[in-house]
Amino acid sequence: MSDEHGWDAIRALGRRVLEGGTPLELTDDVRALLLRTAGEVAISNAHAVHALATEAGALDLLRETIRRISEGSRRLTRALSLMYDHQRAGDYDTARQEMHAVLAVEVVPFYREIAQDQLDDMDEKP
């Protein structure tokens, strides 16, 4: 998926902190990044603000935002691939089911929007 949301920055932070062992420094920029990204992956502002009150909470917030981005991306990519396969075979009902399955579990608004756009596009097909 593209970096339309600036998720490269949160991924880089995760690599440094969660994988590389660099301590998480809650600077104003890091707080702003975590708050913004939390909102983009459907974590409430209240929950994010509460999490940022402690280092442990901030680390959990970082892990959860990255998990939602990664899992949602994998889920959507898989479903899109299957959807395109079904479309090429002329099976639009099954192609639609792939996007409905994503919408049934996905919480990240960006990924939900992509799935819904695909469904809307298919509404014009048989």
N, C-alpha and C. Protein backbone atom coordinates (compact mmCIF):
# COMPACT_ATOMS: atom_id res chain seq x y z
N MET A 1 0.84 -1.18 0.00
CA MET A 1 0.00 0.00 0.00
C MET A 1 0.89 1.24 0.00
N SER A 2 0.38 2.29 -0.51
CA SER A 2 1.18 3.52 -0.61
C SER A 2 1.36 4.14 0.76
N ASP A 3 2.20 5.16 0.80
CA ASP A 3 2.43 5.86 2.06
C ASP A 3 1.63 7.16 2.10
N GLU A 4 0.41 7.11 1.62
CA GLU A 4 -0.46 8.29 1.58
C GLU A 4 -0.60 8.94 2.96
N HIS A 5 -0.56 8.14 3.99
CA HIS A 5 -0.76 8.64 5.35
C HIS A 5 0.54 8.96 6.07
N GLY A 6 1.67 8.78 5.44
CA GLY A 6 2.93 9.01 6.13
C GLY A 6 3.27 7.88 7.08
N TRP A 7 2.79 6.69 6.78
CA TRP A 7 3.02 5.56 7.67
C TRP A 7 4.45 5.06 7.62
N ASP A 8 5.25 5.52 6.68
CA ASP A 8 6.66 5.16 6.66
C ASP A 8 7.33 5.63 7.95
N ALA A 9 6.91 6.79 8.46
CA ALA A 9 7.51 7.34 9.68
C ALA A 9 7.20 6.45 10.89
N ILE A 10 5.98 5.97 11.00
CA ILE A 10 5.63 5.12 12.15
C ILE A 10 6.30 3.76 12.02
N ARG A 11 6.40 3.27 10.78
CA ARG A 11 7.11 2.00 10.57
C ARG A 11 8.59 2.13 10.93
N ALA A 12 9.20 3.24 10.54
CA ALA A 12 10.61 3.47 10.86
C ALA A 12 10.81 3.57 12.38
N LEU A 13 9.89 4.24 13.05
CA LEU A 13 9.95 4.33 14.51
C LEU A 13 9.84 2.93 15.11
N GLY A 14 8.93 2.14 14.60
CA GLY A 14 8.77 0.77 15.09
C GLY A 14 10.02 -0.06 14.89
N ARG A 15 10.63 0.08 13.73
CA ARG A 15 11.87 -0.67 13.48
C ARG A 15 12.96 -0.28 14.47
N ARG A 16 13.10 1.03 14.70
CA ARG A 16 14.14 1.49 15.62
C ARG A 16 13.87 1.04 17.06
N VAL A 17 12.63 1.17 17.48
CA VAL A 17 12.29 0.94 18.88
C VAL A 17 11.95 -0.52 19.16
N LEU A 18 11.04 -1.09 18.38
CA LEU A 18 10.56 -2.43 18.67
C LEU A 18 11.51 -3.52 18.19
N GLU A 19 12.16 -3.28 17.07
CA GLU A 19 13.08 -4.28 16.53
C GLU A 19 14.53 -3.99 16.88
N GLY A 20 14.89 -2.70 16.91
CA GLY A 20 16.29 -2.33 17.12
C GLY A 20 16.67 -2.09 18.57
N GLY A 21 15.67 -1.98 19.43
CA GLY A 21 15.97 -1.81 20.85
C GLY A 21 16.30 -0.39 21.27
N THR A 22 16.13 0.58 20.38
CA THR A 22 16.36 1.97 20.74
C THR A 22 15.24 2.41 21.70
N PRO A 23 15.59 3.08 22.78
CA PRO A 23 14.53 3.54 23.71
C PRO A 23 13.57 4.51 23.01
N LEU A 24 12.31 4.41 23.38
CA LEU A 24 11.30 5.32 22.83
C LEU A 24 11.38 6.64 23.57
N GLU A 25 11.72 7.69 22.84
CA GLU A 25 11.76 9.03 23.42
C GLU A 25 10.48 9.74 23.03
N LEU A 26 9.68 10.09 24.02
CA LEU A 26 8.39 10.72 23.75
C LEU A 26 8.55 12.23 23.56
N THR A 27 9.20 12.59 22.48
CA THR A 27 9.33 14.00 22.12
C THR A 27 7.98 14.50 21.61
N ASP A 28 7.86 15.79 21.44
CA ASP A 28 6.61 16.35 20.89
C ASP A 28 6.32 15.76 19.52
N ASP A 29 7.35 15.60 18.69
CA ASP A 29 7.16 15.04 17.35
C ASP A 29 6.70 13.59 17.41
N VAL A 30 7.29 12.81 18.29
CA VAL A 30 6.90 11.40 18.41
C VAL A 30 5.47 11.30 18.94
N ARG A 31 5.13 12.10 19.93
CA ARG A 31 3.75 12.11 20.46
C ARG A 31 2.76 12.46 19.34
N ALA A 32 3.10 13.50 18.57
CA ALA A 32 2.21 13.92 17.48
C ALA A 32 2.07 12.81 16.45
N LEU A 33 3.16 12.15 16.11
CA LEU A 33 3.12 11.04 15.16
C LEU A 33 2.23 9.91 15.68
N LEU A 34 2.43 9.53 16.94
CA LEU A 34 1.63 8.45 17.52
C LEU A 34 0.15 8.83 17.59
N LEU A 35 -0.15 10.05 17.99
CA LEU A 35 -1.55 10.50 18.07
C LEU A 35 -2.20 10.51 16.69
N ARG A 36 -1.50 11.08 15.72
CA ARG A 36 -2.07 11.16 14.37
C ARG A 36 -2.29 9.77 13.79
N THR A 37 -1.29 8.92 13.92
CA THR A 37 -1.39 7.58 13.36
C THR A 37 -2.46 6.77 14.07
N ALA A 38 -2.57 6.93 15.37
CA ALA A 38 -3.62 6.21 16.11
C ALA A 38 -4.99 6.55 15.54
N GLY A 39 -5.25 7.82 15.29
CA GLY A 39 -6.52 8.23 14.70
C GLY A 39 -6.74 7.64 13.33
N GLU A 40 -5.67 7.53 12.55
CA GLU A 40 -5.77 6.99 11.19
C GLU A 40 -6.04 5.49 11.17
N VAL A 41 -5.78 4.80 12.28
CA VAL A 41 -6.02 3.36 12.33
C VAL A 41 -7.16 3.02 13.29
N ALA A 42 -8.01 4.01 13.54
CA ALA A 42 -9.25 3.82 14.31
C ALA A 42 -9.01 3.53 15.79
N ILE A 43 -7.98 4.14 16.36
CA ILE A 43 -7.78 4.11 17.81
C ILE A 43 -8.25 5.48 18.30
N SER A 44 -9.13 5.48 19.27
CA SER A 44 -9.71 6.75 19.72
C SER A 44 -8.64 7.68 20.29
N ASN A 45 -8.89 8.96 20.16
CA ASN A 45 -7.98 9.96 20.69
C ASN A 45 -7.84 9.80 22.20
N ALA A 46 -8.92 9.52 22.87
CA ALA A 46 -8.87 9.34 24.33
C ALA A 46 -7.97 8.17 24.70
N HIS A 47 -8.10 7.08 23.98
CA HIS A 47 -7.24 5.92 24.26
C HIS A 47 -5.78 6.25 23.98
N ALA A 48 -5.52 6.92 22.88
CA ALA A 48 -4.15 7.26 22.52
C ALA A 48 -3.53 8.22 23.54
N VAL A 49 -4.28 9.23 23.94
CA VAL A 49 -3.77 10.18 24.94
C VAL A 49 -3.46 9.46 26.25
N HIS A 50 -4.34 8.58 26.65
CA HIS A 50 -4.13 7.80 27.87
C HIS A 50 -2.87 6.94 27.73
N ALA A 51 -2.71 6.30 26.58
CA ALA A 51 -1.54 5.44 26.35
C ALA A 51 -0.25 6.24 26.41
N LEU A 52 -0.29 7.47 25.94
CA LEU A 52 0.93 8.28 25.90
C LEU A 52 1.34 8.82 27.27
N ALA A 53 0.56 8.53 28.29
CA ALA A 53 0.88 8.98 29.64
C ALA A 53 2.05 8.21 30.24
N THR A 54 2.31 7.00 29.71
CA THR A 54 3.42 6.20 30.22
C THR A 54 4.23 5.65 29.05
N GLU A 55 5.47 5.32 29.31
CA GLU A 55 6.30 4.74 28.27
C GLU A 55 5.74 3.39 27.83
N ALA A 56 5.30 2.58 28.79
CA ALA A 56 4.73 1.27 28.46
C ALA A 56 3.49 1.43 27.60
N GLY A 57 2.66 2.39 27.94
CA GLY A 57 1.46 2.64 27.15
C GLY A 57 1.79 3.11 25.75
N ALA A 58 2.80 3.97 25.64
CA ALA A 58 3.23 4.48 24.34
C ALA A 58 3.77 3.33 23.48
N LEU A 59 4.53 2.43 24.09
CA LEU A 59 5.03 1.27 23.34
C LEU A 59 3.89 0.39 22.87
N ASP A 60 2.90 0.18 23.73
CA ASP A 60 1.73 -0.61 23.32
C ASP A 60 0.99 0.07 22.17
N LEU A 61 0.87 1.38 22.25
CA LEU A 61 0.20 2.13 21.19
C LEU A 61 0.98 2.00 19.88
N LEU A 62 2.29 2.10 19.94
CA LEU A 62 3.12 1.93 18.76
C LEU A 62 2.92 0.54 18.16
N ARG A 63 2.97 -0.47 19.01
CA ARG A 63 2.77 -1.86 18.53
C ARG A 63 1.40 -2.02 17.86
N GLU A 64 0.37 -1.49 18.50
CA GLU A 64 -0.98 -1.67 17.97
C GLU A 64 -1.18 -0.92 16.66
N THR A 65 -0.64 0.28 16.53
CA THR A 65 -0.80 1.01 15.27
C THR A 65 -0.11 0.26 14.14
N ILE A 66 1.11 -0.23 14.41
CA ILE A 66 1.84 -0.97 13.38
C ILE A 66 1.12 -2.27 13.05
N ARG A 67 0.59 -2.94 14.05
CA ARG A 67 -0.16 -4.18 13.81
C ARG A 67 -1.35 -3.92 12.90
N ARG A 68 -2.10 -2.89 13.19
CA ARG A 68 -3.28 -2.59 12.37
C ARG A 68 -2.91 -2.23 10.94
N ILE A 69 -1.85 -1.47 10.78
CA ILE A 69 -1.40 -1.11 9.44
C ILE A 69 -0.95 -2.35 8.68
N SER A 70 -0.12 -3.15 9.32
CA SER A 70 0.45 -4.33 8.65
C SER A 70 -0.61 -5.39 8.35
N GLU A 71 -1.40 -5.73 9.35
CA GLU A 71 -2.41 -6.77 9.13
C GLU A 71 -3.47 -6.32 8.13
N GLY A 72 -3.88 -5.07 8.23
CA GLY A 72 -4.86 -4.55 7.29
C GLY A 72 -4.34 -4.54 5.87
N SER A 73 -3.09 -4.15 5.71
CA SER A 73 -2.47 -4.13 4.39
C SER A 73 -2.41 -5.54 3.80
N ARG A 74 -1.95 -6.50 4.61
CA ARG A 74 -1.88 -7.88 4.12
C ARG A 74 -3.27 -8.42 3.77
N ARG A 75 -4.23 -8.16 4.64
CA ARG A 75 -5.59 -8.65 4.41
C ARG A 75 -6.16 -8.07 3.12
N LEU A 76 -6.00 -6.76 2.94
CA LEU A 76 -6.55 -6.10 1.76
C LEU A 76 -5.82 -6.54 0.50
N THR A 77 -4.51 -6.63 0.56
CA THR A 77 -3.74 -7.05 -0.62
C THR A 77 -4.15 -8.44 -1.07
N ARG A 78 -4.29 -9.36 -0.11
CA ARG A 78 -4.73 -10.72 -0.43
C ARG A 78 -6.11 -10.72 -1.06
N ALA A 79 -7.02 -9.96 -0.43
CA ALA A 79 -8.39 -9.91 -0.93
C ALA A 79 -8.47 -9.28 -2.31
N LEU A 80 -7.69 -8.24 -2.55
CA LEU A 80 -7.68 -7.61 -3.88
C LEU A 80 -7.17 -8.57 -4.94
N SER A 81 -6.13 -9.31 -4.61
CA SER A 81 -5.59 -10.28 -5.56
C SER A 81 -6.65 -11.33 -5.92
N LEU A 82 -7.32 -11.84 -4.90
CA LEU A 82 -8.38 -12.83 -5.15
C LEU A 82 -9.54 -12.21 -5.91
N MET A 83 -9.89 -10.98 -5.55
CA MET A 83 -10.98 -10.29 -6.24
C MET A 83 -10.67 -10.15 -7.73
N TYR A 84 -9.44 -9.73 -8.05
CA TYR A 84 -9.07 -9.58 -9.45
C TYR A 84 -9.10 -10.92 -10.18
N ASP A 85 -8.65 -11.97 -9.51
CA ASP A 85 -8.72 -13.31 -10.11
C ASP A 85 -10.17 -13.68 -10.45
N HIS A 86 -11.07 -13.43 -9.52
CA HIS A 86 -12.48 -13.75 -9.75
C HIS A 86 -13.07 -12.87 -10.86
N GLN A 87 -12.68 -11.60 -10.87
CA GLN A 87 -13.17 -10.71 -11.93
C GLN A 87 -12.72 -11.19 -13.30
N ARG A 88 -11.45 -11.57 -13.42
CA ARG A 88 -10.94 -12.06 -14.70
C ARG A 88 -11.71 -13.31 -15.15
N ALA A 89 -12.16 -14.08 -14.18
CA ALA A 89 -12.92 -15.29 -14.50
C ALA A 89 -14.41 -14.97 -14.73
N GLY A 90 -14.78 -13.70 -14.56
CA GLY A 90 -16.17 -13.29 -14.76
C GLY A 90 -17.08 -13.56 -13.56
N ASP A 91 -16.50 -13.91 -12.43
CA ASP A 91 -17.28 -14.25 -11.22
C ASP A 91 -17.31 -13.03 -10.29
N TYR A 92 -18.20 -12.10 -10.61
CA TYR A 92 -18.27 -10.87 -9.83
C TYR A 92 -18.91 -11.07 -8.46
N ASP A 93 -19.76 -12.05 -8.31
CA ASP A 93 -20.35 -12.31 -6.99
C ASP A 93 -19.27 -12.71 -5.99
N THR A 94 -18.39 -13.62 -6.40
CA THR A 94 -17.32 -14.05 -5.50
C THR A 94 -16.31 -12.93 -5.30
N ALA A 95 -16.08 -12.15 -6.35
CA ALA A 95 -15.18 -10.99 -6.23
C ALA A 95 -15.73 -10.02 -5.18
N ARG A 96 -17.02 -9.78 -5.21
CA ARG A 96 -17.66 -8.90 -4.22
C ARG A 96 -17.53 -9.49 -2.81
N GLN A 97 -17.67 -10.80 -2.70
CA GLN A 97 -17.55 -11.44 -1.39
C GLN A 97 -16.19 -11.18 -0.77
N GLU A 98 -15.15 -11.12 -1.59
CA GLU A 98 -13.81 -10.84 -1.06
C GLU A 98 -13.77 -9.47 -0.37
N MET A 99 -14.38 -8.47 -0.99
CA MET A 99 -14.39 -7.14 -0.39
C MET A 99 -15.32 -7.06 0.81
N HIS A 100 -16.43 -7.78 0.75
CA HIS A 100 -17.33 -7.83 1.92
C HIS A 100 -16.62 -8.47 3.10
N ALA A 101 -15.81 -9.48 2.84
CA ALA A 101 -15.06 -10.14 3.92
C ALA A 101 -14.07 -9.17 4.56
N VAL A 102 -13.43 -8.34 3.76
CA VAL A 102 -12.52 -7.33 4.31
C VAL A 102 -13.31 -6.36 5.18
N LEU A 103 -14.42 -5.88 4.66
CA LEU A 103 -15.21 -4.90 5.42
C LEU A 103 -15.77 -5.47 6.71
N ALA A 104 -15.95 -6.77 6.77
CA ALA A 104 -16.50 -7.40 7.97
C ALA A 104 -15.52 -7.34 9.15
N VAL A 105 -14.22 -7.24 8.85
CA VAL A 105 -13.25 -7.29 9.94
C VAL A 105 -12.31 -6.09 10.01
N GLU A 106 -12.18 -5.35 8.94
CA GLU A 106 -11.19 -4.27 8.89
C GLU A 106 -11.66 -3.05 9.67
N VAL A 107 -10.73 -2.46 10.45
CA VAL A 107 -11.05 -1.26 11.21
C VAL A 107 -10.36 0.00 10.67
N VAL A 108 -9.28 -0.18 9.92
CA VAL A 108 -8.53 0.98 9.42
C VAL A 108 -9.35 1.65 8.30
N PRO A 109 -9.76 2.90 8.53
CA PRO A 109 -10.62 3.58 7.55
C PRO A 109 -10.05 3.61 6.13
N PHE A 110 -8.76 3.82 5.97
CA PHE A 110 -8.14 3.86 4.64
C PHE A 110 -8.35 2.55 3.90
N TYR A 111 -8.15 1.43 4.58
CA TYR A 111 -8.34 0.12 3.95
C TYR A 111 -9.82 -0.16 3.70
N ARG A 112 -10.66 0.26 4.61
CA ARG A 112 -12.11 0.09 4.42
C ARG A 112 -12.57 0.88 3.19
N GLU A 113 -12.04 2.07 3.03
CA GLU A 113 -12.41 2.91 1.89
C GLU A 113 -12.02 2.25 0.57
N ILE A 114 -10.83 1.67 0.52
CA ILE A 114 -10.40 0.98 -0.69
C ILE A 114 -11.33 -0.18 -1.00
N ALA A 115 -11.66 -0.98 0.01
CA ALA A 115 -12.56 -2.12 -0.20
C ALA A 115 -13.93 -1.64 -0.66
N GLN A 116 -14.44 -0.58 -0.05
CA GLN A 116 -15.76 -0.06 -0.43
C GLN A 116 -15.72 0.50 -1.85
N ASP A 117 -14.64 1.18 -2.20
CA ASP A 117 -14.50 1.70 -3.58
C ASP A 117 -14.53 0.56 -4.59
N GLN A 118 -13.88 -0.56 -4.27
CA GLN A 118 -13.90 -1.71 -5.17
C GLN A 118 -15.31 -2.25 -5.32
N LEU A 119 -16.04 -2.32 -4.22
CA LEU A 119 -17.44 -2.77 -4.29
C LEU A 119 -18.27 -1.82 -5.14
N ASP A 120 -18.09 -0.53 -4.92
CA ASP A 120 -18.84 0.46 -5.69
C ASP A 120 -18.54 0.33 -7.19
N ASP A 121 -17.27 0.10 -7.52
CA ASP A 121 -16.89 -0.10 -8.92
C ASP A 121 -17.56 -1.33 -9.51
N MET A 122 -17.67 -2.38 -8.70
CA MET A 122 -18.28 -3.61 -9.19
C MET A 122 -19.80 -3.51 -9.32
N ASP A 123 -20.40 -2.54 -8.65
CA ASP A 123 -21.84 -2.35 -8.77
C ASP A 123 -22.24 -2.04 -10.21
N GLU A 124 -21.28 -1.55 -10.98
CA GLU A 124 -21.54 -1.22 -12.37
C GLU A 124 -21.33 -2.43 -13.28
N LYS A 125 -20.94 -3.55 -12.70
CA LYS A 125 -20.67 -4.77 -13.47
C LYS A 125 -21.80 -5.77 -13.22
N PRO A 126 -21.83 -6.83 -14.03
CA PRO A 126 -22.92 -7.83 -13.89
C PRO A 126 -22.95 -8.48 -12.53
